[in-house]
């Protein structure tokens, strides 16, 4: 279960509690979306939500009492192993590990659905307008912020006429002339808003692990190579449990929340850091994907391959949102 799916589950629980009279809340107080985040200090589980605190005033009840009403109802939903209450009324939710690998199926099915994994409608109904700036970094960052906002259902544009910069490529800048469009974009986008971007041409062009963009693109290329090599060995990926892939599964499950956060805070650097984390874990994980020596392909290999392919899909989609090419061969 992804954070987006968990958010929808909690919203459905809130609505059912209101409809059945367990909570006396006006209809307009029922949220269309619920924020799902990592547990705060002192809380357990995989995810947490403060929805009970927001509903307490409308329900005329203490937050922990509202949380208890919701806890009982969420605990019985598929994919949920445990729900606990912490602090003033936070819901701490532990997912059922047996179904965690289903995020792989969701990722691999998204190209067919036409909606990239992690994109959603959390900002639907909101509109944003940005000035068209001339400064090189500002132009790139603004363009990508617009793309992130649109990926969450918002209406976003640059300039009063609605014209916006091309969503592919990099405006010709002093840095892009030195290192190329993709490397320049990464340098501008990877740095947080208050940080100075790294503009050392030698480092940005280096084809080695110290170069974060190289690692991200190399990890994607490796995911494609694994698929090709598996086909030569006569097998394909198959979604199933991956006991040694928990870290990678967790990162992929977090991806929708990272995209939403990057859009809400207008912070493309959050997406860039997420891609780095996925790439680093995929590069660690890749060594057990294919059979070694005379070993025959097994269900475990098929499941690991599907997970690696899902990670590659997330990397390619994230780079696309940043306007950066994801080559299959490096």
C-alpha atoms as a PDB file:
ATOM      1  CA  UNK A   1       0.000   0.000   0.000  1.00  0.00           C
ATOM      2  CA  UNK A   2       1.401   3.349  -1.055  1.00  0.00           C
ATOM      3  CA  UNK A   3       0.946   6.594   0.926  1.00  0.00           C
ATOM      4  CA  UNK A   4      -1.549   7.739  -1.715  1.00  0.00           C
ATOM      5  CA  UNK A   5      -3.584   4.550  -1.298  1.00  0.00           C
ATOM      6  CA  UNK A   6      -3.387   4.871   2.487  1.00  0.00           C
ATOM      7  CA  UNK A   7      -4.609   8.464   2.250  1.00  0.00           C
ATOM      8  CA  UNK A   8      -7.612   7.331   0.222  1.00  0.00           C
ATOM      9  CA  UNK A   9      -8.290   4.552   2.731  1.00  0.00           C
ATOM     10  CA  UNK A  10      -8.297   6.988   5.662  1.00  0.00           C
ATOM     11  CA  UNK A  11     -10.594   9.388   3.781  1.00  0.00           C
ATOM     12  CA  UNK A  12     -13.050   6.548   3.126  1.00  0.00           C
ATOM     13  CA  UNK A  13     -12.929   5.604   6.824  1.00  0.00           C
ATOM     14  CA  UNK A  14     -13.652   9.188   7.886  1.00  0.00           C
ATOM     15  CA  UNK A  15     -16.586   9.422   5.484  1.00  0.00           C
ATOM     16  CA  UNK A  16     -18.051   6.123   6.654  1.00  0.00           C
ATOM     17  CA  UNK A  17     -17.686   7.162  10.308  1.00  0.00           C
ATOM     18  CA  UNK A  18     -19.580  10.394   9.551  1.00  0.00           C
ATOM     19  CA  UNK A  19     -22.245   8.686   7.426  1.00  0.00           C
ATOM     20  CA  UNK A  20     -22.883   6.074  10.129  1.00  0.00           C
ATOM     21  CA  UNK A  21     -23.083   8.643  12.917  1.00  0.00           C
ATOM     22  CA  UNK A  22     -19.931   7.595  14.745  1.00  0.00           C
ATOM     23  CA  UNK A  23     -18.653  11.158  14.244  1.00  0.00           C
ATOM     24  CA  UNK A  24     -20.950  14.186  14.102  1.00  0.00           C
ATOM     25  CA  UNK A  25     -19.154  16.317  11.548  1.00  0.00           C
ATOM     26  CA  UNK A  26     -20.560  18.592   8.860  1.00  0.00           C
ATOM     27  CA  UNK A  27     -19.998  17.316   5.349  1.00  0.00           C
ATOM     28  CA  UNK A  28     -17.768  20.216   4.362  1.00  0.00           C
ATOM     29  CA  UNK A  29     -15.412  19.362   7.250  1.00  0.00           C
ATOM     30  CA  UNK A  30     -14.657  15.925   5.785  1.00  0.00           C
ATOM     31  CA  UNK A  31     -11.324  16.228   3.942  1.00  0.00           C
ATOM     32  CA  UNK A  32     -10.910  15.271   0.302  1.00  0.00           C
ATOM     33  CA  UNK A  33      -7.366  14.126   1.055  1.00  0.00           C
ATOM     34  CA  UNK A  34      -5.449  13.234   4.212  1.00  0.00           C
ATOM     35  CA  UNK A  35      -1.774  13.936   4.719  1.00  0.00           C
ATOM     36  CA  UNK A  36       0.255  10.768   5.288  1.00  0.00           C
ATOM     37  CA  UNK A  37       3.736  11.234   6.732  1.00  0.00           C
ATOM     38  CA  UNK A  38       6.488   9.402   8.543  1.00  0.00           C
ATOM     39  CA  UNK A  39       5.824   8.901  12.288  1.00  0.00           C
ATOM     40  CA  UNK A  40       7.039  11.658  14.583  1.00  0.00           C
ATOM     41  CA  UNK A  41       9.420  11.003  17.503  1.00  0.00           C
ATOM     42  CA  UNK A  42       7.667   8.755  19.993  1.00  0.00           C
ATOM     43  CA  UNK A  43       5.374   7.234  17.374  1.00  0.00           C
ATOM     44  CA  UNK A  44       5.691   3.830  15.757  1.00  0.00           C
ATOM     45  CA  UNK A  45       4.533   2.148  12.567  1.00  0.00           C
ATOM     46  CA  UNK A  46       5.252   2.889   8.924  1.00  0.00           C
ATOM     47  CA  UNK A  47       3.122   6.011   8.528  1.00  0.00           C
ATOM     48  CA  UNK A  48       1.208   8.530  10.615  1.00  0.00           C
ATOM     49  CA  UNK A  49      -1.737  10.883  10.164  1.00  0.00           C
ATOM     50  CA  UNK A  50      -2.963  13.816  12.209  1.00  0.00           C
ATOM     51  CA  UNK A  51      -6.471  13.745  10.713  1.00  0.00           C
ATOM     52  CA  UNK A  52      -8.073  13.186  14.138  1.00  0.00           C
ATOM     53  CA  UNK A  53      -6.606  16.450  15.429  1.00  0.00           C
ATOM     54  CA  UNK A  54      -8.107  18.332  12.492  1.00  0.00           C
ATOM     55  CA  UNK A  55     -11.537  16.730  12.929  1.00  0.00           C
ATOM     56  CA  UNK A  56     -11.735  17.114  16.721  1.00  0.00           C
ATOM     57  CA  UNK A  57     -13.068  20.677  16.801  1.00  0.00           C
ATOM     58  CA  UNK A  58     -15.736  19.951  14.172  1.00  0.00           C
ATOM     59  CA  UNK A  59     -16.778  16.784  16.023  1.00  0.00           C
ATOM     60  CA  UNK A  60     -16.791  18.481  19.438  1.00  0.00           C
ATOM     61  CA  UNK A  61     -14.654  15.668  20.873  1.00  0.00           C
ATOM     62  CA  UNK A  62     -11.112  15.318  22.259  1.00  0.00           C
ATOM     63  CA  UNK A  63      -8.643  14.395  19.495  1.00  0.00           C
ATOM     64  CA  UNK A  64      -7.753  11.052  21.073  1.00  0.00           C
ATOM     65  CA  UNK A  65     -11.435  10.083  21.171  1.00  0.00           C
ATOM     66  CA  UNK A  66     -11.779  10.878  17.473  1.00  0.00           C
ATOM     67  CA  UNK A  67      -8.575   8.948  16.852  1.00  0.00           C
ATOM     68  CA  UNK A  68      -9.987   5.894  18.648  1.00  0.00           C
ATOM     69  CA  UNK A  69     -13.101   5.934  16.442  1.00  0.00           C
ATOM     70  CA  UNK A  70     -10.919   6.012  13.348  1.00  0.00           C
ATOM     71  CA  UNK A  71      -8.362   3.546  14.711  1.00  0.00           C
ATOM     72  CA  UNK A  72     -10.930   0.787  15.091  1.00  0.00           C
ATOM     73  CA  UNK A  73     -12.168   1.262  11.553  1.00  0.00           C
ATOM     74  CA  UNK A  74      -8.774   1.590   9.856  1.00  0.00           C
ATOM     75  CA  UNK A  75      -7.395  -1.483  11.635  1.00  0.00           C
ATOM     76  CA  UNK A  76      -9.781  -3.787   9.796  1.00  0.00           C
ATOM     77  CA  UNK A  77      -8.903  -2.596   6.305  1.00  0.00           C
ATOM     78  CA  UNK A  78      -6.928  -4.778   3.859  1.00  0.00           C
ATOM     79  CA  UNK A  79      -3.196  -4.098   3.901  1.00  0.00           C
ATOM     80  CA  UNK A  80      -3.225  -2.717   7.464  1.00  0.00           C
ATOM     81  CA  UNK A  81      -1.502  -4.754  10.163  1.00  0.00           C
ATOM     82  CA  UNK A  82      -1.781  -2.418  13.176  1.00  0.00           C
ATOM     83  CA  UNK A  83      -3.052   1.048  14.093  1.00  0.00           C
ATOM     84  CA  UNK A  84      -1.971   2.790  17.305  1.00  0.00           C
ATOM     85  CA  UNK A  85      -2.579   6.221  18.818  1.00  0.00           C
ATOM     86  CA  UNK A  86       0.302   8.374  19.986  1.00  0.00           C
ATOM     87  CA  UNK A  87       0.701  11.853  21.443  1.00  0.00           C
ATOM     88  CA  UNK A  88      -2.373  14.089  21.384  1.00  0.00           C
ATOM     89  CA  UNK A  89      -4.127  11.958  18.762  1.00  0.00           C
ATOM     90  CA  UNK A  90      -1.832  10.878  15.944  1.00  0.00           C
ATOM     91  CA  UNK A  91      -2.708   7.645  14.172  1.00  0.00           C
ATOM     92  CA  UNK A  92       0.369   5.449  13.680  1.00  0.00           C
ATOM     93  CA  UNK A  93      -0.225   2.848  11.000  1.00  0.00           C
ATOM     94  CA  UNK A  94       1.773  -0.313  10.375  1.00  0.00           C
ATOM     95  CA  UNK A  95       1.280  -1.929   6.984  1.00  0.00           C
ATOM     96  CA  UNK A  96       0.848  -5.616   6.312  1.00  0.00           C
ATOM     97  CA  UNK A  97       4.271  -6.702   5.064  1.00  0.00           C
ATOM     98  CA  UNK A  98       2.725  -9.553   3.084  1.00  0.00           C
ATOM     99  CA  UNK A  99       1.229  -7.158   0.557  1.00  0.00           C
ATOM    100  CA  UNK A 100       3.893  -4.468   0.486  1.00  0.00           C
ATOM    101  CA  UNK A 101       5.301  -5.703  -2.804  1.00  0.00           C
ATOM    102  CA  UNK A 102       2.026  -4.726  -4.524  1.00  0.00           C
ATOM    103  CA  UNK A 103       3.539  -1.270  -5.008  1.00  0.00           C
ATOM    104  CA  UNK A 104       5.668  -2.908  -7.719  1.00  0.00           C
ATOM    105  CA  UNK A 105       2.557  -3.907  -9.632  1.00  0.00           C
ATOM    106  CA  UNK A 106       1.142  -0.395  -9.325  1.00  0.00           C
ATOM    107  CA  UNK A 107       4.346   1.128 -10.702  1.00  0.00           C
ATOM    108  CA  UNK A 108       4.675  -1.287 -13.603  1.00  0.00           C
ATOM    109  CA  UNK A 109       1.007  -0.868 -14.522  1.00  0.00           C
ATOM    110  CA  UNK A 110       1.076   2.945 -14.619  1.00  0.00           C
ATOM    111  CA  UNK A 111       2.451   3.289 -18.175  1.00  0.00           C
ATOM    112  CA  UNK A 112      -0.619   1.401 -19.394  1.00  0.00           C
ATOM    113  CA  UNK A 113      -2.891   3.655 -17.334  1.00  0.00           C
ATOM    114  CA  UNK A 114      -1.256   6.707 -18.882  1.00  0.00           C
ATOM    115  CA  UNK A 115      -0.644   8.382 -15.512  1.00  0.00           C
ATOM    116  CA  UNK A 116       2.949   8.225 -14.238  1.00  0.00           C
ATOM    117  CA  UNK A 117       3.363   6.611 -10.833  1.00  0.00           C
ATOM    118  CA  UNK A 118       3.314   9.188  -8.057  1.00  0.00           C
ATOM    119  CA  UNK A 119       1.265  11.767  -9.919  1.00  0.00           C
ATOM    120  CA  UNK A 120      -2.146  12.544  -8.459  1.00  0.00           C
ATOM    121  CA  UNK A 121      -4.816  15.135  -7.817  1.00  0.00           C
ATOM    122  CA  UNK A 122      -3.881  16.392  -4.347  1.00  0.00           C
ATOM    123  CA  UNK A 123      -3.709  19.991  -5.650  1.00  0.00           C
ATOM    124  CA  UNK A 124      -6.708  19.829  -7.962  1.00  0.00           C
ATOM    125  CA  UNK A 125      -8.654  23.070  -7.930  1.00  0.00           C
ATOM    126  CA  UNK A 126      -5.641  25.211  -7.047  1.00  0.00           C
ATOM    127  CA  UNK A 127      -4.077  27.681  -9.471  1.00  0.00           C
ATOM    128  CA  UNK A 128      -0.563  29.095  -9.551  1.00  0.00           C
ATOM    129  CA  UNK A 129       0.999  31.776 -11.715  1.00  0.00           C
ATOM    130  CA  UNK A 130       4.699  32.573 -11.897  1.00  0.00           C
ATOM    131  CA  UNK A 131       6.593  35.433 -13.426  1.00  0.00           C
ATOM    132  CA  UNK A 132       8.827  34.643 -16.370  1.00  0.00           C
ATOM    133  CA  UNK A 133      12.324  35.295 -15.061  1.00  0.00           C
ATOM    134  CA  UNK A 134      15.514  35.833 -17.020  1.00  0.00           C
ATOM    135  CA  UNK A 135      18.009  34.519 -14.457  1.00  0.00           C
ATOM    136  CA  UNK A 136      19.300  31.117 -15.579  1.00  0.00           C
ATOM    137  CA  UNK A 137      18.667  29.047 -12.465  1.00  0.00           C
ATOM    138  CA  UNK A 138      15.337  30.744 -11.785  1.00  0.00           C
ATOM    139  CA  UNK A 139      14.027  29.866 -15.248  1.00  0.00           C
ATOM    140  CA  UNK A 140      14.833  26.179 -14.858  1.00  0.00           C
ATOM    141  CA  UNK A 141      13.474  25.904 -11.314  1.00  0.00           C
ATOM    142  CA  UNK A 142      10.249  27.723 -12.210  1.00  0.00           C
ATOM    143  CA  UNK A 143       9.688  25.493 -15.215  1.00  0.00           C
ATOM    144  CA  UNK A 144      10.046  22.332 -13.126  1.00  0.00           C
ATOM    145  CA  UNK A 145       7.872  23.672 -10.298  1.00  0.00           C
ATOM    146  CA  UNK A 146       5.130  24.225 -12.876  1.00  0.00           C
ATOM    147  CA  UNK A 147       5.558  20.657 -14.068  1.00  0.00           C
ATOM    148  CA  UNK A 148       5.397  19.286 -10.493  1.00  0.00           C
ATOM    149  CA  UNK A 149       2.268  21.296  -9.690  1.00  0.00           C
ATOM    150  CA  UNK A 150       0.548  20.066 -12.840  1.00  0.00           C
ATOM    151  CA  UNK A 151       1.493  16.497 -11.934  1.00  0.00           C
ATOM    152  CA  UNK A 152      -0.574  16.950  -8.750  1.00  0.00           C
ATOM    153  CA  UNK A 153      -3.608  18.257 -10.613  1.00  0.00           C
ATOM    154  CA  UNK A 154      -3.032  21.996 -10.159  1.00  0.00           C
ATOM    155  CA  UNK A 155      -3.360  24.623 -12.860  1.00  0.00           C
ATOM    156  CA  UNK A 156       0.039  26.296 -13.182  1.00  0.00           C
ATOM    157  CA  UNK A 157       1.459  28.673 -15.732  1.00  0.00           C
ATOM    158  CA  UNK A 158       4.273  31.115 -16.336  1.00  0.00           C
ATOM    159  CA  UNK A 159       3.298  34.654 -17.317  1.00  0.00           C
ATOM    160  CA  UNK A 160      -0.063  36.367 -17.539  1.00  0.00           C
ATOM    161  CA  UNK A 161      -0.801  34.962 -20.978  1.00  0.00           C
ATOM    162  CA  UNK A 162      -0.372  31.406 -19.837  1.00  0.00           C
ATOM    163  CA  UNK A 163       2.743  30.963 -21.925  1.00  0.00           C
ATOM    164  CA  UNK A 164       5.370  28.863 -20.293  1.00  0.00           C
ATOM    165  CA  UNK A 165       8.895  27.728 -20.962  1.00  0.00           C
ATOM    166  CA  UNK A 166       9.409  24.499 -22.880  1.00  0.00           C
ATOM    167  CA  UNK A 167       9.138  21.554 -20.519  1.00  0.00           C
ATOM    168  CA  UNK A 168      12.051  19.777 -22.137  1.00  0.00           C
ATOM    169  CA  UNK A 169      15.647  20.874 -22.385  1.00  0.00           C
ATOM    170  CA  UNK A 170      17.455  23.697 -20.659  1.00  0.00           C
ATOM    171  CA  UNK A 171      17.502  27.377 -21.622  1.00  0.00           C
ATOM    172  CA  UNK A 172      20.886  28.226 -23.092  1.00  0.00           C
ATOM    173  CA  UNK A 173      22.964  29.376 -20.151  1.00  0.00           C
ATOM    174  CA  UNK A 174      26.594  29.843 -19.359  1.00  0.00           C
ATOM    175  CA  UNK A 175      26.595  26.575 -17.426  1.00  0.00           C
ATOM    176  CA  UNK A 176      24.688  24.527 -20.009  1.00  0.00           C
ATOM    177  CA  UNK A 177      27.136  25.727 -22.660  1.00  0.00           C
ATOM    178  CA  UNK A 178      29.941  24.228 -20.575  1.00  0.00           C
ATOM    179  CA  UNK A 179      28.437  20.944 -19.375  1.00  0.00           C
ATOM    180  CA  UNK A 180      25.327  20.361 -21.463  1.00  0.00           C
ATOM    181  CA  UNK A 181      21.633  20.878 -20.730  1.00  0.00           C
ATOM    182  CA  UNK A 182      21.054  17.834 -18.516  1.00  0.00           C
ATOM    183  CA  UNK A 183      24.015  18.393 -16.221  1.00  0.00           C
ATOM    184  CA  UNK A 184      23.171  22.087 -15.897  1.00  0.00           C
ATOM    185  CA  UNK A 185      19.569  21.316 -15.017  1.00  0.00           C
ATOM    186  CA  UNK A 186      20.655  18.822 -12.361  1.00  0.00           C
ATOM    187  CA  UNK A 187      23.026  21.338 -10.796  1.00  0.00           C
ATOM    188  CA  UNK A 188      20.294  23.985 -10.616  1.00  0.00           C
ATOM    189  CA  UNK A 189      17.590  21.623  -9.352  1.00  0.00           C
ATOM    190  CA  UNK A 190      19.558  19.464  -6.904  1.00  0.00           C
ATOM    191  CA  UNK A 191      20.493  22.417  -4.703  1.00  0.00           C
ATOM    192  CA  UNK A 192      17.868  23.591  -2.228  1.00  0.00           C
ATOM    193  CA  UNK A 193      16.461  27.065  -2.783  1.00  0.00           C
ATOM    194  CA  UNK A 194      18.747  28.648  -0.182  1.00  0.00           C
ATOM    195  CA  UNK A 195      21.883  26.774  -1.333  1.00  0.00           C
ATOM    196  CA  UNK A 196      24.357  27.700  -4.026  1.00  0.00           C
ATOM    197  CA  UNK A 197      24.352  25.103  -6.829  1.00  0.00           C
ATOM    198  CA  UNK A 198      27.537  23.176  -7.571  1.00  0.00           C
ATOM    199  CA  UNK A 199      28.825  24.426 -10.907  1.00  0.00           C
ATOM    200  CA  UNK A 200      32.199  22.722 -11.163  1.00  0.00           C
ATOM    201  CA  UNK A 201      32.241  21.579 -14.798  1.00  0.00           C
ATOM    202  CA  UNK A 202      34.698  18.731 -14.208  1.00  0.00           C
ATOM    203  CA  UNK A 203      32.563  17.206 -11.461  1.00  0.00           C
ATOM    204  CA  UNK A 204      29.281  17.657 -13.345  1.00  0.00           C
ATOM    205  CA  UNK A 205      30.728  15.835 -16.342  1.00  0.00           C
ATOM    206  CA  UNK A 206      32.469  13.077 -14.372  1.00  0.00           C
ATOM    207  CA  UNK A 207      31.305   9.559 -15.218  1.00  0.00           C
ATOM    208  CA  UNK A 208      31.881   8.202 -11.713  1.00  0.00           C
ATOM    209  CA  UNK A 209      29.983   7.543  -8.506  1.00  0.00           C
ATOM    210  CA  UNK A 210      30.865  10.897  -6.958  1.00  0.00           C
ATOM    211  CA  UNK A 211      28.586  12.475  -9.581  1.00  0.00           C
ATOM    212  CA  UNK A 212      24.999  12.071  -8.321  1.00  0.00           C
ATOM    213  CA  UNK A 213      23.413  12.554 -11.749  1.00  0.00           C
ATOM    214  CA  UNK A 214      25.676   9.867 -13.180  1.00  0.00           C
ATOM    215  CA  UNK A 215      24.572   7.456 -10.398  1.00  0.00           C
ATOM    216  CA  UNK A 216      20.887   8.106 -11.069  1.00  0.00           C
ATOM    217  CA  UNK A 217      21.213   7.642 -14.818  1.00  0.00           C
ATOM    218  CA  UNK A 218      23.517   4.664 -14.431  1.00  0.00           C
ATOM    219  CA  UNK A 219      21.049   2.983 -12.060  1.00  0.00           C
ATOM    220  CA  UNK A 220      18.296   3.418 -14.634  1.00  0.00           C
ATOM    221  CA  UNK A 221      20.532   2.019 -17.375  1.00  0.00           C
ATOM    222  CA  UNK A 222      21.327  -0.959 -15.127  1.00  0.00           C
ATOM    223  CA  UNK A 223      17.611  -1.654 -14.619  1.00  0.00           C
ATOM    224  CA  UNK A 224      17.169  -1.844 -18.390  1.00  0.00           C
ATOM    225  CA  UNK A 225      20.252  -4.041 -18.751  1.00  0.00           C
ATOM    226  CA  UNK A 226      18.874  -6.439 -16.128  1.00  0.00           C
ATOM    227  CA  UNK A 227      15.688  -6.820 -18.181  1.00  0.00           C
ATOM    228  CA  UNK A 228      17.663  -7.537 -21.351  1.00  0.00           C
ATOM    229  CA  UNK A 229      19.950 -10.006 -19.607  1.00  0.00           C
ATOM    230  CA  UNK A 230      17.013 -11.810 -17.990  1.00  0.00           C
ATOM    231  CA  UNK A 231      15.341 -12.238 -21.364  1.00  0.00           C
ATOM    232  CA  UNK A 232      18.533 -13.834 -22.669  1.00  0.00           C
ATOM    233  CA  UNK A 233      18.332 -16.258 -19.734  1.00  0.00           C
ATOM    234  CA  UNK A 234      14.698 -17.004 -20.555  1.00  0.00           C
ATOM    235  CA  UNK A 235      12.740 -15.289 -17.804  1.00  0.00           C
ATOM    236  CA  UNK A 236      10.840 -12.085 -17.077  1.00  0.00           C
ATOM    237  CA  UNK A 237       9.946 -10.125 -13.990  1.00  0.00           C
ATOM    238  CA  UNK A 238       7.020 -11.231 -11.846  1.00  0.00           C
ATOM    239  CA  UNK A 239       5.521  -9.310  -8.939  1.00  0.00           C
ATOM    240  CA  UNK A 240       5.926 -11.122  -5.640  1.00  0.00           C
ATOM    241  CA  UNK A 241       7.488 -10.909  -2.173  1.00  0.00           C
ATOM    242  CA  UNK A 242      11.088  -9.669  -2.033  1.00  0.00           C
ATOM    243  CA  UNK A 243      12.366 -10.162   1.532  1.00  0.00           C
ATOM    244  CA  UNK A 244      15.743  -8.606   0.753  1.00  0.00           C
ATOM    245  CA  UNK A 245      14.165  -5.616  -1.009  1.00  0.00           C
ATOM    246  CA  UNK A 246      12.423  -3.935   1.926  1.00  0.00           C
ATOM    247  CA  UNK A 247      14.528  -0.777   1.752  1.00  0.00           C
ATOM    248  CA  UNK A 248      13.937  -0.331  -1.972  1.00  0.00           C
ATOM    249  CA  UNK A 249      10.236  -1.118  -1.580  1.00  0.00           C
ATOM    250  CA  UNK A 250      10.014   1.527   1.118  1.00  0.00           C
ATOM    251  CA  UNK A 251      11.616   4.158  -1.089  1.00  0.00           C
ATOM    252  CA  UNK A 252       9.266   3.346  -3.960  1.00  0.00           C
ATOM    253  CA  UNK A 253       6.262   3.503  -1.620  1.00  0.00           C
ATOM    254  CA  UNK A 254       7.407   6.932  -0.439  1.00  0.00           C
ATOM    255  CA  UNK A 255       7.729   8.309  -3.982  1.00  0.00           C
ATOM    256  CA  UNK A 256       4.173   9.700  -4.355  1.00  0.00           C
ATOM    257  CA  UNK A 257       4.532  11.560  -1.064  1.00  0.00           C
ATOM    258  CA  UNK A 258       7.867  12.998  -2.153  1.00  0.00           C
ATOM    259  CA  UNK A 259       6.364  14.248  -5.421  1.00  0.00           C
ATOM    260  CA  UNK A 260       3.469  15.876  -3.588  1.00  0.00           C
ATOM    261  CA  UNK A 261       5.838  17.486  -1.076  1.00  0.00           C
ATOM    262  CA  UNK A 262       8.101  18.758  -3.861  1.00  0.00           C
ATOM    263  CA  UNK A 263       5.079  20.352  -5.538  1.00  0.00           C
ATOM    264  CA  UNK A 264       3.558  21.866  -2.399  1.00  0.00           C
ATOM    265  CA  UNK A 265       6.853  23.363  -1.242  1.00  0.00           C
ATOM    266  CA  UNK A 266       8.011  24.237  -4.772  1.00  0.00           C
ATOM    267  CA  UNK A 267      11.168  22.296  -4.047  1.00  0.00           C
ATOM    268  CA  UNK A 268      12.475  20.193  -6.972  1.00  0.00           C
ATOM    269  CA  UNK A 269      15.528  19.348  -4.848  1.00  0.00           C
ATOM    270  CA  UNK A 270      13.324  16.983  -2.821  1.00  0.00           C
ATOM    271  CA  UNK A 271      12.642  14.942  -5.937  1.00  0.00           C
ATOM    272  CA  UNK A 272      16.330  14.986  -6.911  1.00  0.00           C
ATOM    273  CA  UNK A 273      17.347  13.646  -3.486  1.00  0.00           C
ATOM    274  CA  UNK A 274      14.661  10.962  -3.700  1.00  0.00           C
ATOM    275  CA  UNK A 275      16.020   9.815  -7.057  1.00  0.00           C
ATOM    276  CA  UNK A 276      19.516   9.620  -5.577  1.00  0.00           C
ATOM    277  CA  UNK A 277      18.252   7.431  -2.734  1.00  0.00           C
ATOM    278  CA  UNK A 278      16.387   5.092  -5.101  1.00  0.00           C
ATOM    279  CA  UNK A 279      19.406   4.880  -7.413  1.00  0.00           C
ATOM    280  CA  UNK A 280      21.855   4.111  -4.606  1.00  0.00           C
ATOM    281  CA  UNK A 281      19.643   1.351  -3.210  1.00  0.00           C
ATOM    282  CA  UNK A 282      18.989  -0.124  -6.657  1.00  0.00           C
ATOM    283  CA  UNK A 283      22.725  -0.250  -7.375  1.00  0.00           C
ATOM    284  CA  UNK A 284      23.198  -2.129  -4.101  1.00  0.00           C
ATOM    285  CA  UNK A 285      20.246  -4.439  -4.744  1.00  0.00           C
ATOM    286  CA  UNK A 286      21.031  -5.279  -8.391  1.00  0.00           C
ATOM    287  CA  UNK A 287      23.710  -7.851  -7.607  1.00  0.00           C
ATOM    288  CA  UNK A 288      21.166 -10.460  -6.499  1.00  0.00           C
ATOM    289  CA  UNK A 289      18.705 -10.023  -9.346  1.00  0.00           C
ATOM    290  CA  UNK A 290      20.140 -12.433 -11.928  1.00  0.00           C
ATOM    291  CA  UNK A 291      21.172 -16.052 -11.334  1.00  0.00           C
ATOM    292  CA  UNK A 292      24.870 -16.628 -10.740  1.00  0.00           C
ATOM    293  CA  UNK A 293      26.911 -19.314 -12.484  1.00  0.00           C
ATOM    294  CA  UNK A 294      24.863 -22.444 -13.180  1.00  0.00           C
ATOM    295  CA  UNK A 295      22.028 -21.284 -10.943  1.00  0.00           C
ATOM    296  CA  UNK A 296      18.592 -21.597 -12.564  1.00  0.00           C
ATOM    297  CA  UNK A 297      16.131 -18.679 -12.564  1.00  0.00           C
ATOM    298  CA  UNK A 298      13.702 -19.021  -9.669  1.00  0.00           C
ATOM    299  CA  UNK A 299      10.618 -17.187  -8.403  1.00  0.00           C
ATOM    300  CA  UNK A 300      12.929 -15.096  -6.222  1.00  0.00           C
ATOM    301  CA  UNK A 301      14.867 -13.932  -9.288  1.00  0.00           C
ATOM    302  CA  UNK A 302      11.651 -13.042 -11.119  1.00  0.00           C
ATOM    303  CA  UNK A 303      10.394 -11.082  -8.112  1.00  0.00           C
ATOM    304  CA  UNK A 304      13.699  -9.233  -7.714  1.00  0.00           C
ATOM    305  CA  UNK A 305      13.712  -8.384 -11.416  1.00  0.00           C
ATOM    306  CA  UNK A 306      10.213  -6.888 -11.196  1.00  0.00           C
ATOM    307  CA  UNK A 307      11.320  -4.754  -8.247  1.00  0.00           C
ATOM    308  CA  UNK A 308      14.403  -3.560 -10.146  1.00  0.00           C
ATOM    309  CA  UNK A 309      12.252  -2.733 -13.178  1.00  0.00           C
ATOM    310  CA  UNK A 310       9.859  -0.767 -10.956  1.00  0.00           C
ATOM    311  CA  UNK A 311      12.771   1.195  -9.504  1.00  0.00           C
ATOM    312  CA  UNK A 312      13.970   1.964 -13.025  1.00  0.00           C
ATOM    313  CA  UNK A 313      10.499   3.180 -13.957  1.00  0.00           C
ATOM    314  CA  UNK A 314      10.500   5.557 -10.980  1.00  0.00           C
ATOM    315  CA  UNK A 315      13.954   6.872 -11.897  1.00  0.00           C
ATOM    316  CA  UNK A 316      12.959   7.498 -15.513  1.00  0.00           C
ATOM    317  CA  UNK A 317       9.721   9.204 -14.483  1.00  0.00           C
ATOM    318  CA  UNK A 318      11.478  11.392 -11.938  1.00  0.00           C
ATOM    319  CA  UNK A 319      14.159  12.467 -14.383  1.00  0.00           C
ATOM    320  CA  UNK A 320      11.445  13.259 -16.931  1.00  0.00           C
ATOM    321  CA  UNK A 321       9.729  15.567 -14.424  1.00  0.00           C
ATOM    322  CA  UNK A 322      13.049  17.329 -13.968  1.00  0.00           C
ATOM    323  CA  UNK A 323      13.386  17.628 -17.757  1.00  0.00           C
ATOM    324  CA  UNK A 324      16.447  15.359 -17.841  1.00  0.00           C
ATOM    325  CA  UNK A 325      17.033  12.509 -20.283  1.00  0.00           C
ATOM    326  CA  UNK A 326      17.241   8.914 -19.006  1.00  0.00           C
ATOM    327  CA  UNK A 327      19.407   6.962 -21.487  1.00  0.00           C
ATOM    328  CA  UNK A 328      19.174   3.174 -21.570  1.00  0.00           C
ATOM    329  CA  UNK A 329      22.874   2.839 -22.294  1.00  0.00           C
ATOM    330  CA  UNK A 330      25.755   4.607 -20.557  1.00  0.00           C
END
